[in-house]
Amino acid sequence: MAVIDYYLTPVSPWVHLAGRRPADLAARHGLTLRYLPVDAAALFAQTGGVTLNERHESRQAYRLQELRRQSAALGVPLVLKPRHFPTNPAPAAYAIIAAQESGAPGGDIHALVTGLSRACWEEERDIAQDDVIRDCLTAAGFDPGLAFSGMLQGAEIYPRHLTRAVEAGVFGVPFFVVGEEKFWGQDRIDALAHHLQAMA
């Protein structure tokens, strides 16, 4: 079965705006959507990008305008400056990795990813905190204990995702790779859909 590699960080507002669309698209085409959380700051450092606080004020201001516009256009609620952003994305990333690796029959990995991003960007909760991660794991049908038991596994796999991303030509999030084709940004999901339709 063909795979869509989805590079993301759970603290990205653009990942939040992508929502379940990547999962729904993969399901329509009978494809596997593989979540690959990465350290976005490290990814930027290795590929010539600049973290948010290092960008010129005009770029930061434009980002807020575009987030507001995209939120309205997609009908996805989003707090432009949530209380707990930025925060450490690693614990939530570890939970995503552990949940995906667990293959738990009752778990919904798509619900976990969207639940974590919603916690940050709608509910203004700190997704670096264990209680928030456990709540999201439980709501998605996973054992909340993965917040602890999956920490070592997540910490081991997380840097591998970064290496894989750089080797695949990834330089931002959300980023989708299907074979040799690459799509950067939640506003390229339609282009990804056209590509998958052409492949069918």
N, C-alpha and C. Protein backbone atom coordinates (compact mmCIF):
# COMPACT_ATOMS: atom_id res chain seq x y z
N MET A 1 0.84 -1.20 0.00
CA MET A 1 0.00 0.00 0.00
C MET A 1 0.88 1.25 0.00
N ALA A 2 0.54 2.22 -0.84
CA ALA A 2 1.29 3.47 -0.90
C ALA A 2 1.12 4.25 0.40
N VAL A 3 2.11 5.07 0.68
CA VAL A 3 2.15 5.80 1.95
C VAL A 3 2.31 7.29 1.70
N ILE A 4 1.60 8.09 2.49
CA ILE A 4 1.83 9.53 2.56
C ILE A 4 2.62 9.78 3.83
N ASP A 5 3.83 10.26 3.71
CA ASP A 5 4.61 10.64 4.88
C ASP A 5 4.24 12.07 5.27
N TYR A 6 3.79 12.23 6.50
CA TYR A 6 3.31 13.52 6.99
C TYR A 6 4.26 14.00 8.09
N TYR A 7 5.10 14.98 7.74
CA TYR A 7 6.02 15.57 8.70
C TYR A 7 5.32 16.74 9.38
N LEU A 8 5.40 16.77 10.70
CA LEU A 8 4.62 17.75 11.45
C LEU A 8 5.27 18.01 12.80
N THR A 9 4.79 19.05 13.46
CA THR A 9 5.03 19.24 14.87
C THR A 9 3.68 19.59 15.47
N PRO A 10 3.35 19.02 16.63
CA PRO A 10 2.02 19.25 17.20
C PRO A 10 1.79 20.67 17.69
N VAL A 11 2.83 21.51 17.73
CA VAL A 11 2.63 22.90 18.16
C VAL A 11 2.52 23.87 16.99
N SER A 12 2.40 23.37 15.78
CA SER A 12 2.28 24.26 14.62
C SER A 12 0.81 24.65 14.39
N PRO A 13 0.52 25.94 14.25
CA PRO A 13 -0.85 26.34 13.94
C PRO A 13 -1.28 25.86 12.56
N TRP A 14 -0.32 25.71 11.67
CA TRP A 14 -0.64 25.25 10.31
C TRP A 14 -1.01 23.77 10.32
N VAL A 15 -0.42 23.00 11.20
CA VAL A 15 -0.82 21.61 11.39
C VAL A 15 -2.24 21.57 11.95
N HIS A 16 -2.53 22.48 12.87
CA HIS A 16 -3.89 22.56 13.42
C HIS A 16 -4.89 22.86 12.31
N LEU A 17 -4.56 23.79 11.45
CA LEU A 17 -5.47 24.15 10.36
C LEU A 17 -5.63 23.00 9.36
N ALA A 18 -4.62 22.17 9.22
CA ALA A 18 -4.75 21.00 8.33
C ALA A 18 -5.79 20.03 8.85
N GLY A 19 -5.88 19.93 10.19
CA GLY A 19 -6.91 19.10 10.80
C GLY A 19 -6.90 17.65 10.32
N ARG A 20 -8.08 17.11 10.06
CA ARG A 20 -8.22 15.73 9.62
C ARG A 20 -8.16 15.60 8.10
N ARG A 21 -7.98 16.70 7.39
CA ARG A 21 -8.00 16.62 5.92
C ARG A 21 -6.96 15.63 5.38
N PRO A 22 -5.73 15.61 5.89
CA PRO A 22 -4.78 14.62 5.37
C PRO A 22 -5.25 13.18 5.62
N ALA A 23 -5.81 12.93 6.79
CA ALA A 23 -6.30 11.58 7.11
C ALA A 23 -7.48 11.20 6.21
N ASP A 24 -8.38 12.14 6.02
CA ASP A 24 -9.55 11.86 5.16
C ASP A 24 -9.11 11.61 3.72
N LEU A 25 -8.14 12.38 3.27
CA LEU A 25 -7.64 12.22 1.90
C LEU A 25 -6.98 10.85 1.73
N ALA A 26 -6.16 10.47 2.69
CA ALA A 26 -5.51 9.16 2.63
C ALA A 26 -6.55 8.04 2.61
N ALA A 27 -7.59 8.18 3.44
CA ALA A 27 -8.63 7.15 3.51
C ALA A 27 -9.37 7.03 2.18
N ARG A 28 -9.66 8.16 1.54
CA ARG A 28 -10.38 8.12 0.26
C ARG A 28 -9.60 7.37 -0.80
N HIS A 29 -8.28 7.43 -0.72
CA HIS A 29 -7.45 6.80 -1.74
C HIS A 29 -6.87 5.46 -1.27
N GLY A 30 -7.30 5.00 -0.11
CA GLY A 30 -6.82 3.71 0.39
C GLY A 30 -5.34 3.72 0.71
N LEU A 31 -4.83 4.86 1.17
CA LEU A 31 -3.40 5.00 1.48
C LEU A 31 -3.17 5.05 2.98
N THR A 32 -1.96 4.76 3.38
CA THR A 32 -1.55 4.89 4.78
C THR A 32 -0.97 6.28 4.99
N LEU A 33 -1.46 6.96 6.03
CA LEU A 33 -0.89 8.24 6.42
C LEU A 33 0.05 7.99 7.59
N ARG A 34 1.34 8.24 7.38
CA ARG A 34 2.34 7.97 8.40
C ARG A 34 2.79 9.29 9.03
N TYR A 35 2.50 9.43 10.33
CA TYR A 35 2.85 10.66 11.04
C TYR A 35 4.31 10.60 11.48
N LEU A 36 5.05 11.65 11.13
CA LEU A 36 6.47 11.72 11.44
C LEU A 36 6.76 13.06 12.14
N PRO A 37 6.51 13.11 13.46
CA PRO A 37 6.80 14.35 14.18
C PRO A 37 8.28 14.69 14.14
N VAL A 38 8.57 15.97 13.93
CA VAL A 38 9.96 16.43 13.87
C VAL A 38 10.14 17.66 14.75
N ASP A 39 11.38 17.90 15.13
CA ASP A 39 11.77 19.11 15.85
C ASP A 39 11.89 20.21 14.79
N ALA A 40 10.88 21.08 14.72
CA ALA A 40 10.84 22.08 13.65
C ALA A 40 12.00 23.06 13.74
N ALA A 41 12.38 23.46 14.95
CA ALA A 41 13.50 24.40 15.09
C ALA A 41 14.78 23.78 14.55
N ALA A 42 15.01 22.51 14.85
CA ALA A 42 16.20 21.83 14.33
C ALA A 42 16.11 21.66 12.82
N LEU A 43 14.91 21.40 12.33
CA LEU A 43 14.71 21.27 10.88
C LEU A 43 15.03 22.57 10.18
N PHE A 44 14.53 23.69 10.72
CA PHE A 44 14.84 25.00 10.13
C PHE A 44 16.34 25.25 10.13
N ALA A 45 16.99 24.93 11.24
CA ALA A 45 18.42 25.19 11.37
C ALA A 45 19.22 24.43 10.32
N GLN A 46 18.75 23.23 9.98
CA GLN A 46 19.49 22.40 9.03
C GLN A 46 19.14 22.70 7.57
N THR A 47 18.03 23.42 7.34
CA THR A 47 17.59 23.62 5.95
C THR A 47 17.45 25.09 5.57
N GLY A 48 18.02 25.98 6.40
CA GLY A 48 18.04 27.39 6.03
C GLY A 48 16.82 28.18 6.46
N GLY A 49 15.98 27.61 7.30
CA GLY A 49 14.81 28.32 7.79
C GLY A 49 15.14 29.14 9.03
N VAL A 50 14.15 29.92 9.46
CA VAL A 50 14.33 30.80 10.62
C VAL A 50 13.15 30.60 11.56
N THR A 51 13.42 30.44 12.85
CA THR A 51 12.34 30.26 13.81
C THR A 51 11.53 31.56 13.94
N LEU A 52 10.33 31.44 14.46
CA LEU A 52 9.38 32.55 14.50
C LEU A 52 9.96 33.78 15.18
N ASN A 53 10.58 33.62 16.34
CA ASN A 53 11.08 34.78 17.08
C ASN A 53 12.26 35.45 16.40
N GLU A 54 12.85 34.79 15.40
CA GLU A 54 13.99 35.38 14.68
C GLU A 54 13.55 36.09 13.40
N ARG A 55 12.28 35.98 13.05
CA ARG A 55 11.81 36.59 11.80
C ARG A 55 11.56 38.08 11.96
N HIS A 56 11.66 38.79 10.87
CA HIS A 56 11.39 40.23 10.87
C HIS A 56 9.96 40.47 11.31
N GLU A 57 9.72 41.60 11.95
CA GLU A 57 8.38 41.90 12.48
C GLU A 57 7.32 41.92 11.39
N SER A 58 7.70 42.29 10.17
CA SER A 58 6.71 42.29 9.08
C SER A 58 6.26 40.87 8.75
N ARG A 59 7.17 39.91 8.82
CA ARG A 59 6.81 38.51 8.59
C ARG A 59 5.94 37.97 9.72
N GLN A 60 6.26 38.38 10.95
CA GLN A 60 5.45 37.93 12.08
C GLN A 60 4.03 38.50 11.99
N ALA A 61 3.92 39.75 11.59
CA ALA A 61 2.60 40.37 11.46
C ALA A 61 1.80 39.71 10.34
N TYR A 62 2.46 39.41 9.23
CA TYR A 62 1.77 38.76 8.12
C TYR A 62 1.29 37.37 8.53
N ARG A 63 2.10 36.65 9.29
CA ARG A 63 1.72 35.32 9.77
C ARG A 63 0.39 35.39 10.52
N LEU A 64 0.25 36.36 11.41
CA LEU A 64 -0.99 36.48 12.18
C LEU A 64 -2.19 36.78 11.28
N GLN A 65 -1.99 37.64 10.29
CA GLN A 65 -3.08 37.92 9.35
C GLN A 65 -3.48 36.67 8.58
N GLU A 66 -2.49 35.94 8.12
CA GLU A 66 -2.78 34.75 7.32
C GLU A 66 -3.43 33.67 8.17
N LEU A 67 -3.00 33.52 9.41
CA LEU A 67 -3.65 32.56 10.30
C LEU A 67 -5.11 32.94 10.52
N ARG A 68 -5.38 34.21 10.72
CA ARG A 68 -6.76 34.66 10.91
C ARG A 68 -7.60 34.38 9.67
N ARG A 69 -7.05 34.68 8.50
CA ARG A 69 -7.80 34.47 7.26
C ARG A 69 -8.04 32.99 7.00
N GLN A 70 -7.01 32.17 7.18
CA GLN A 70 -7.15 30.74 6.92
C GLN A 70 -8.10 30.08 7.92
N SER A 71 -8.04 30.52 9.16
CA SER A 71 -8.95 30.00 10.18
C SER A 71 -10.40 30.27 9.78
N ALA A 72 -10.67 31.49 9.33
CA ALA A 72 -12.02 31.86 8.93
C ALA A 72 -12.45 31.09 7.68
N ALA A 73 -11.56 30.99 6.72
CA ALA A 73 -11.90 30.33 5.45
C ALA A 73 -12.19 28.84 5.65
N LEU A 74 -11.46 28.21 6.55
CA LEU A 74 -11.61 26.77 6.79
C LEU A 74 -12.66 26.46 7.85
N GLY A 75 -13.09 27.47 8.58
CA GLY A 75 -14.02 27.24 9.67
C GLY A 75 -13.39 26.48 10.83
N VAL A 76 -12.08 26.67 11.01
CA VAL A 76 -11.36 26.00 12.09
C VAL A 76 -11.01 27.04 13.16
N PRO A 77 -11.58 26.93 14.36
CA PRO A 77 -11.25 27.90 15.41
C PRO A 77 -9.76 27.89 15.73
N LEU A 78 -9.21 29.06 16.02
CA LEU A 78 -7.79 29.17 16.33
C LEU A 78 -7.55 30.43 17.13
N VAL A 79 -6.91 30.30 18.28
CA VAL A 79 -6.49 31.45 19.08
C VAL A 79 -5.14 31.90 18.54
N LEU A 80 -5.06 33.14 18.08
CA LEU A 80 -3.85 33.59 17.41
C LEU A 80 -2.62 33.59 18.33
N LYS A 81 -2.82 33.92 19.59
CA LYS A 81 -1.70 33.95 20.54
C LYS A 81 -2.10 33.17 21.79
N PRO A 82 -2.11 31.83 21.68
CA PRO A 82 -2.53 31.03 22.83
C PRO A 82 -1.57 31.16 24.00
N ARG A 83 -2.10 30.91 25.20
CA ARG A 83 -1.32 31.10 26.43
C ARG A 83 -0.06 30.26 26.46
N HIS A 84 -0.13 29.06 25.89
CA HIS A 84 1.00 28.14 26.02
C HIS A 84 1.68 27.88 24.67
N PHE A 85 2.00 28.97 23.99
CA PHE A 85 2.79 28.88 22.78
C PHE A 85 3.80 30.02 22.80
N PRO A 86 5.08 29.71 22.57
CA PRO A 86 5.59 28.37 22.28
C PRO A 86 5.72 27.51 23.54
N THR A 87 5.77 26.22 23.33
CA THR A 87 6.00 25.26 24.40
C THR A 87 6.84 24.13 23.84
N ASN A 88 7.35 23.28 24.70
CA ASN A 88 8.20 22.18 24.26
C ASN A 88 7.35 21.14 23.52
N PRO A 89 7.58 20.91 22.23
CA PRO A 89 6.76 19.96 21.48
C PRO A 89 7.16 18.50 21.69
N ALA A 90 8.31 18.25 22.29
CA ALA A 90 8.84 16.88 22.34
C ALA A 90 7.92 15.90 23.07
N PRO A 91 7.39 16.23 24.27
CA PRO A 91 6.55 15.23 24.95
C PRO A 91 5.33 14.81 24.13
N ALA A 92 4.68 15.76 23.47
CA ALA A 92 3.53 15.42 22.63
C ALA A 92 3.97 14.62 21.41
N ALA A 93 5.12 14.98 20.85
CA ALA A 93 5.65 14.22 19.72
C ALA A 93 5.96 12.79 20.12
N TYR A 94 6.54 12.61 21.30
CA TYR A 94 6.83 11.25 21.79
C TYR A 94 5.53 10.44 21.90
N ALA A 95 4.47 11.08 22.39
CA ALA A 95 3.19 10.38 22.55
C ALA A 95 2.63 9.96 21.20
N ILE A 96 2.74 10.82 20.19
CA ILE A 96 2.28 10.47 18.85
C ILE A 96 3.06 9.27 18.32
N ILE A 97 4.38 9.32 18.48
CA ILE A 97 5.23 8.23 18.01
C ILE A 97 4.87 6.93 18.72
N ALA A 98 4.76 6.98 20.05
CA ALA A 98 4.46 5.77 20.82
C ALA A 98 3.09 5.21 20.47
N ALA A 99 2.11 6.09 20.29
CA ALA A 99 0.76 5.63 19.96
C ALA A 99 0.74 4.99 18.58
N GLN A 100 1.43 5.59 17.63
CA GLN A 100 1.46 5.04 16.27
C GLN A 100 2.18 3.70 16.26
N GLU A 101 3.27 3.60 17.01
CA GLU A 101 4.03 2.37 17.06
C GLU A 101 3.29 1.26 17.80
N SER A 102 2.41 1.64 18.73
CA SER A 102 1.72 0.64 19.55
C SER A 102 0.74 -0.20 18.73
N GLY A 103 0.16 0.39 17.68
CA GLY A 103 -0.82 -0.33 16.89
C GLY A 103 -2.04 -0.73 17.69
N ALA A 104 -2.35 0.04 18.74
CA ALA A 104 -3.49 -0.29 19.60
C ALA A 104 -4.77 -0.34 18.78
N PRO A 105 -5.52 -1.46 18.84
CA PRO A 105 -6.70 -1.63 17.99
C PRO A 105 -7.79 -0.59 18.21
N GLY A 106 -7.90 -0.07 19.43
CA GLY A 106 -8.95 0.91 19.68
C GLY A 106 -8.51 2.34 19.52
N GLY A 107 -7.24 2.54 19.18
CA GLY A 107 -6.70 3.89 19.12
C GLY A 107 -6.89 4.53 17.76
N ASP A 108 -7.11 5.84 17.75
CA ASP A 108 -7.26 6.61 16.53
C ASP A 108 -6.13 7.64 16.49
N ILE A 109 -5.09 7.33 15.73
CA ILE A 109 -3.92 8.20 15.69
C ILE A 109 -4.26 9.57 15.11
N HIS A 110 -5.20 9.58 14.17
CA HIS A 110 -5.61 10.87 13.59
C HIS A 110 -6.27 11.74 14.66
N ALA A 111 -7.11 11.12 15.49
CA ALA A 111 -7.76 11.87 16.57
C ALA A 111 -6.76 12.37 17.59
N LEU A 112 -5.70 11.60 17.83
CA LEU A 112 -4.68 12.04 18.78
C LEU A 112 -3.96 13.28 18.27
N VAL A 113 -3.56 13.26 17.00
CA VAL A 113 -2.83 14.41 16.44
C VAL A 113 -3.71 15.66 16.44
N THR A 114 -4.95 15.52 16.00
CA THR A 114 -5.83 16.68 15.98
C THR A 114 -6.21 17.11 17.39
N GLY A 115 -6.31 16.15 18.31
CA GLY A 115 -6.63 16.50 19.69
C GLY A 115 -5.53 17.30 20.36
N LEU A 116 -4.29 16.93 20.10
CA LEU A 116 -3.16 17.67 20.67
C LEU A 116 -3.09 19.09 20.09
N SER A 117 -3.27 19.22 18.78
CA SER A 117 -3.20 20.56 18.19
C SER A 117 -4.39 21.41 18.64
N ARG A 118 -5.55 20.78 18.79
CA ARG A 118 -6.72 21.52 19.28
C ARG A 118 -6.50 21.98 20.72
N ALA A 119 -5.87 21.13 21.53
CA ALA A 119 -5.59 21.51 22.92
C ALA A 119 -4.74 22.77 22.98
N CYS A 120 -3.78 22.87 22.09
CA CYS A 120 -2.90 24.05 22.06
C CYS A 120 -3.60 25.26 21.48
N TRP A 121 -4.20 25.10 20.29
CA TRP A 121 -4.64 26.25 19.49
C TRP A 121 -6.09 26.65 19.67
N GLU A 122 -6.89 25.82 20.33
CA GLU A 122 -8.27 26.20 20.63
C GLU A 122 -8.51 26.30 22.14
N GLU A 123 -7.98 25.32 22.87
CA GLU A 123 -8.27 25.23 24.30
C GLU A 123 -7.22 25.91 25.16
N GLU A 124 -6.13 26.36 24.55
CA GLU A 124 -5.03 27.06 25.23
C GLU A 124 -4.49 26.25 26.41
N ARG A 125 -4.26 24.96 26.16
CA ARG A 125 -3.66 24.09 27.16
C ARG A 125 -2.20 23.84 26.76
N ASP A 126 -1.39 23.51 27.74
CA ASP A 126 0.04 23.29 27.51
C ASP A 126 0.27 21.83 27.16
N ILE A 127 0.53 21.55 25.88
CA ILE A 127 0.67 20.16 25.45
C ILE A 127 2.04 19.58 25.78
N ALA A 128 2.84 20.32 26.53
CA ALA A 128 4.07 19.74 27.07
C ALA A 128 3.80 19.06 28.41
N GLN A 129 2.60 19.25 28.97
CA GLN A 129 2.27 18.73 30.28
C GLN A 129 1.67 17.33 30.20
N ASP A 130 2.08 16.46 31.12
CA ASP A 130 1.64 15.07 31.10
C ASP A 130 0.13 14.92 31.17
N ASP A 131 -0.53 15.74 32.00
CA ASP A 131 -1.97 15.57 32.16
C ASP A 131 -2.72 15.89 30.88
N VAL A 132 -2.24 16.87 30.13
CA VAL A 132 -2.87 17.22 28.85
C VAL A 132 -2.65 16.10 27.84
N ILE A 133 -1.44 15.58 27.79
CA ILE A 133 -1.13 14.48 26.87
C ILE A 133 -1.96 13.25 27.20
N ARG A 134 -2.06 12.94 28.50
CA ARG A 134 -2.87 11.79 28.90
C ARG A 134 -4.33 11.97 28.50
N ASP A 135 -4.86 13.16 28.68
CA ASP A 135 -6.25 13.43 28.28
C ASP A 135 -6.44 13.20 26.79
N CYS A 136 -5.49 13.66 25.99
CA CYS A 136 -5.59 13.50 24.53
C CYS A 136 -5.46 12.04 24.12
N LEU A 137 -4.56 11.31 24.78
CA LEU A 137 -4.42 9.88 24.51
C LEU A 137 -5.72 9.14 24.84
N THR A 138 -6.29 9.43 25.98
CA THR A 138 -7.53 8.77 26.39
C THR A 138 -8.65 9.07 25.41
N ALA A 139 -8.80 10.34 25.05
CA ALA A 139 -9.87 10.74 24.14
C ALA A 139 -9.74 10.07 22.78
N ALA A 140 -8.51 9.75 22.38
CA ALA A 140 -8.27 9.11 21.08
C ALA A 140 -8.28 7.58 21.18
N GLY A 141 -8.58 7.05 22.36
CA GLY A 141 -8.70 5.61 22.50
C GLY A 141 -7.41 4.87 22.82
N PHE A 142 -6.38 5.61 23.25
CA PHE A 142 -5.10 4.98 23.60
C PHE A 142 -4.95 4.90 25.11
N ASP A 143 -4.06 4.03 25.54
CA ASP A 143 -3.72 3.92 26.94
C ASP A 143 -3.02 5.22 27.37
N PRO A 144 -3.56 5.94 28.34
CA PRO A 144 -2.91 7.19 28.76
C PRO A 144 -1.52 6.97 29.32
N GLY A 145 -1.23 5.73 29.72
CA GLY A 145 0.09 5.41 30.22
C GLY A 145 1.19 5.57 29.19
N LEU A 146 0.81 5.67 27.91
CA LEU A 146 1.81 5.89 26.86
C LEU A 146 2.55 7.21 27.05
N ALA A 147 1.93 8.13 27.77
CA ALA A 147 2.61 9.40 28.05
C ALA A 147 3.91 9.16 28.80
N PHE A 148 3.96 8.06 29.59
CA PHE A 148 5.16 7.70 30.33
C PHE A 148 5.92 6.57 29.66
N SER A 149 5.19 5.47 29.38
CA SER A 149 5.86 4.27 28.87
C SER A 149 6.46 4.49 27.49
N GLY A 150 5.89 5.41 26.72
CA GLY A 150 6.39 5.64 25.37
C GLY A 150 7.49 6.68 25.28
N MET A 151 7.87 7.24 26.44
CA MET A 151 8.84 8.33 26.41
C MET A 151 10.19 7.91 25.85
N LEU A 152 10.70 6.76 26.29
CA LEU A 152 12.01 6.31 25.81
C LEU A 152 11.95 5.97 24.33
N GLN A 153 10.88 5.29 23.92
CA GLN A 153 10.73 4.94 22.50
C GLN A 153 10.63 6.20 21.65
N GLY A 154 9.81 7.15 22.11
CA GLY A 154 9.66 8.40 21.37
C GLY A 154 10.96 9.17 21.27
N ALA A 155 11.69 9.23 22.39
CA ALA A 155 12.96 9.96 22.40
C ALA A 155 13.98 9.33 21.47
N GLU A 156 13.90 8.03 21.28
CA GLU A 156 14.83 7.34 20.39
C GLU A 156 14.48 7.57 18.92
N ILE A 157 13.18 7.56 18.61
CA ILE A 157 12.74 7.66 17.22
C ILE A 157 12.68 9.11 16.72
N TYR A 158 12.37 10.03 17.61
CA TYR A 158 12.18 11.45 17.24
C TYR A 158 13.35 12.01 16.43
N PRO A 159 14.60 11.88 16.86
CA PRO A 159 15.69 12.43 16.05
C PRO A 159 15.87 11.72 14.71
N ARG A 160 15.46 10.46 14.63
CA ARG A 160 15.53 9.75 13.34
C ARG A 160 14.59 10.39 12.33
N HIS A 161 13.46 10.86 12.82
CA HIS A 161 12.51 11.53 11.92
C HIS A 161 13.13 12.79 11.32
N LEU A 162 13.90 13.51 12.14
CA LEU A 162 14.56 14.72 11.65
C LEU A 162 15.55 14.38 10.54
N THR A 163 16.36 13.35 10.76
CA THR A 163 17.31 12.92 9.73
C THR A 163 16.59 12.52 8.46
N ARG A 164 15.52 11.76 8.63
CA ARG A 164 14.73 11.31 7.48
C ARG A 164 14.14 12.50 6.73
N ALA A 165 13.66 13.49 7.49
CA ALA A 165 13.06 14.68 6.87
C ALA A 165 14.06 15.42 6.00
N VAL A 166 15.23 15.68 6.56
CA VAL A 166 16.26 16.41 5.81
C VAL A 166 16.64 15.64 4.55
N GLU A 167 16.80 14.33 4.68
CA GLU A 167 17.16 13.50 3.52
C GLU A 167 16.07 13.50 2.47
N ALA A 168 14.81 13.67 2.89
CA ALA A 168 13.68 13.66 1.95
C ALA A 168 13.42 15.03 1.32
N GLY A 169 14.17 16.04 1.74
CA GLY A 169 13.97 17.37 1.18
C GLY A 169 12.91 18.18 1.89
N VAL A 170 12.60 17.81 3.11
CA VAL A 170 11.59 18.52 3.91
C VAL A 170 12.25 19.72 4.58
N PHE A 171 11.55 20.86 4.59
CA PHE A 171 12.13 22.06 5.21
C PHE A 171 11.13 22.84 6.05
N GLY A 172 9.92 22.33 6.21
CA GLY A 172 8.91 23.01 7.01
C GLY A 172 7.82 22.04 7.40
N VAL A 173 6.81 22.56 8.11
CA VAL A 173 5.65 21.73 8.51
C VAL A 173 4.37 22.56 8.35
N PRO A 174 3.27 21.88 8.04
CA PRO A 174 3.16 20.47 7.67
C PRO A 174 3.76 20.22 6.29
N PHE A 175 4.29 19.04 6.09
CA PHE A 175 4.95 18.69 4.84
C PHE A 175 4.56 17.26 4.50
N PHE A 176 4.15 17.04 3.24
CA PHE A 176 3.67 15.74 2.80
C PHE A 176 4.57 15.23 1.67
N VAL A 177 4.96 13.98 1.77
CA VAL A 177 5.81 13.37 0.75
C VAL A 177 5.14 12.09 0.27
N VAL A 178 4.96 11.99 -1.05
CA VAL A 178 4.43 10.78 -1.68
C VAL A 178 5.40 10.40 -2.78
N GLY A 179 6.19 9.37 -2.54
CA GLY A 179 7.22 9.03 -3.51
C GLY A 179 8.20 10.19 -3.64
N GLU A 180 8.34 10.71 -4.86
CA GLU A 180 9.25 11.83 -5.10
C GLU A 180 8.54 13.18 -5.04
N GLU A 181 7.23 13.16 -4.88
CA GLU A 181 6.45 14.41 -4.88
C GLU A 181 6.35 14.96 -3.47
N LYS A 182 6.54 16.29 -3.36
CA LYS A 182 6.55 16.97 -2.07
C LYS A 182 5.53 18.10 -2.07
N PHE A 183 4.86 18.28 -0.92
CA PHE A 183 3.84 19.31 -0.77
C PHE A 183 4.02 19.97 0.59
N TRP A 184 4.29 21.27 0.59
CA TRP A 184 4.56 22.00 1.83
C TRP A 184 3.38 22.91 2.17
N GLY A 185 2.83 22.71 3.33
CA GLY A 185 1.80 23.61 3.84
C GLY A 185 0.40 23.04 3.78
N GLN A 186 -0.43 23.47 4.73
CA GLN A 186 -1.81 23.00 4.74
C GLN A 186 -2.58 23.52 3.54
N ASP A 187 -2.09 24.60 2.92
CA ASP A 187 -2.76 25.13 1.73
C ASP A 187 -2.33 24.40 0.47
N ARG A 188 -1.55 23.32 0.61
CA ARG A 188 -1.19 22.49 -0.55
C ARG A 188 -1.88 21.12 -0.49
N ILE A 189 -2.81 20.97 0.43
CA ILE A 189 -3.52 19.70 0.52
C ILE A 189 -4.36 19.44 -0.72
N ASP A 190 -4.93 20.49 -1.30
CA ASP A 190 -5.68 20.32 -2.56
C ASP A 190 -4.76 19.86 -3.68
N ALA A 191 -3.55 20.39 -3.72
CA ALA A 191 -2.59 19.95 -4.74
C ALA A 191 -2.21 18.49 -4.52
N LEU A 192 -2.07 18.11 -3.27
CA LEU A 192 -1.81 16.70 -2.95
C LEU A 192 -2.98 15.84 -3.42
N ALA A 193 -4.19 16.31 -3.21
CA ALA A 193 -5.38 15.56 -3.64
C ALA A 193 -5.39 15.37 -5.14
N HIS A 194 -5.05 16.43 -5.89
CA HIS A 194 -5.00 16.31 -7.36
C HIS A 194 -3.95 15.30 -7.79
N HIS A 195 -2.81 15.31 -7.10
CA HIS A 195 -1.74 14.36 -7.44
C HIS A 195 -2.20 12.93 -7.19
N LEU A 196 -2.84 12.69 -6.06
CA LEU A 196 -3.31 11.33 -5.75
C LEU A 196 -4.38 10.89 -6.74
N GLN A 197 -5.22 11.83 -7.15
CA GLN A 197 -6.25 11.47 -8.14
C GLN A 197 -5.62 11.09 -9.47
N ALA A 198 -4.57 11.80 -9.85
CA ALA A 198 -3.88 11.50 -11.11
C ALA A 198 -3.18 10.15 -11.04
N MET A 199 -2.76 9.74 -9.83
CA MET A 199 -2.10 8.46 -9.65
C MET A 199 -3.08 7.29 -9.72
N ALA A 200 -4.34 7.58 -9.42
CA ALA A 200 -5.34 6.50 -9.28
C ALA A 200 -5.60 5.80 -10.63
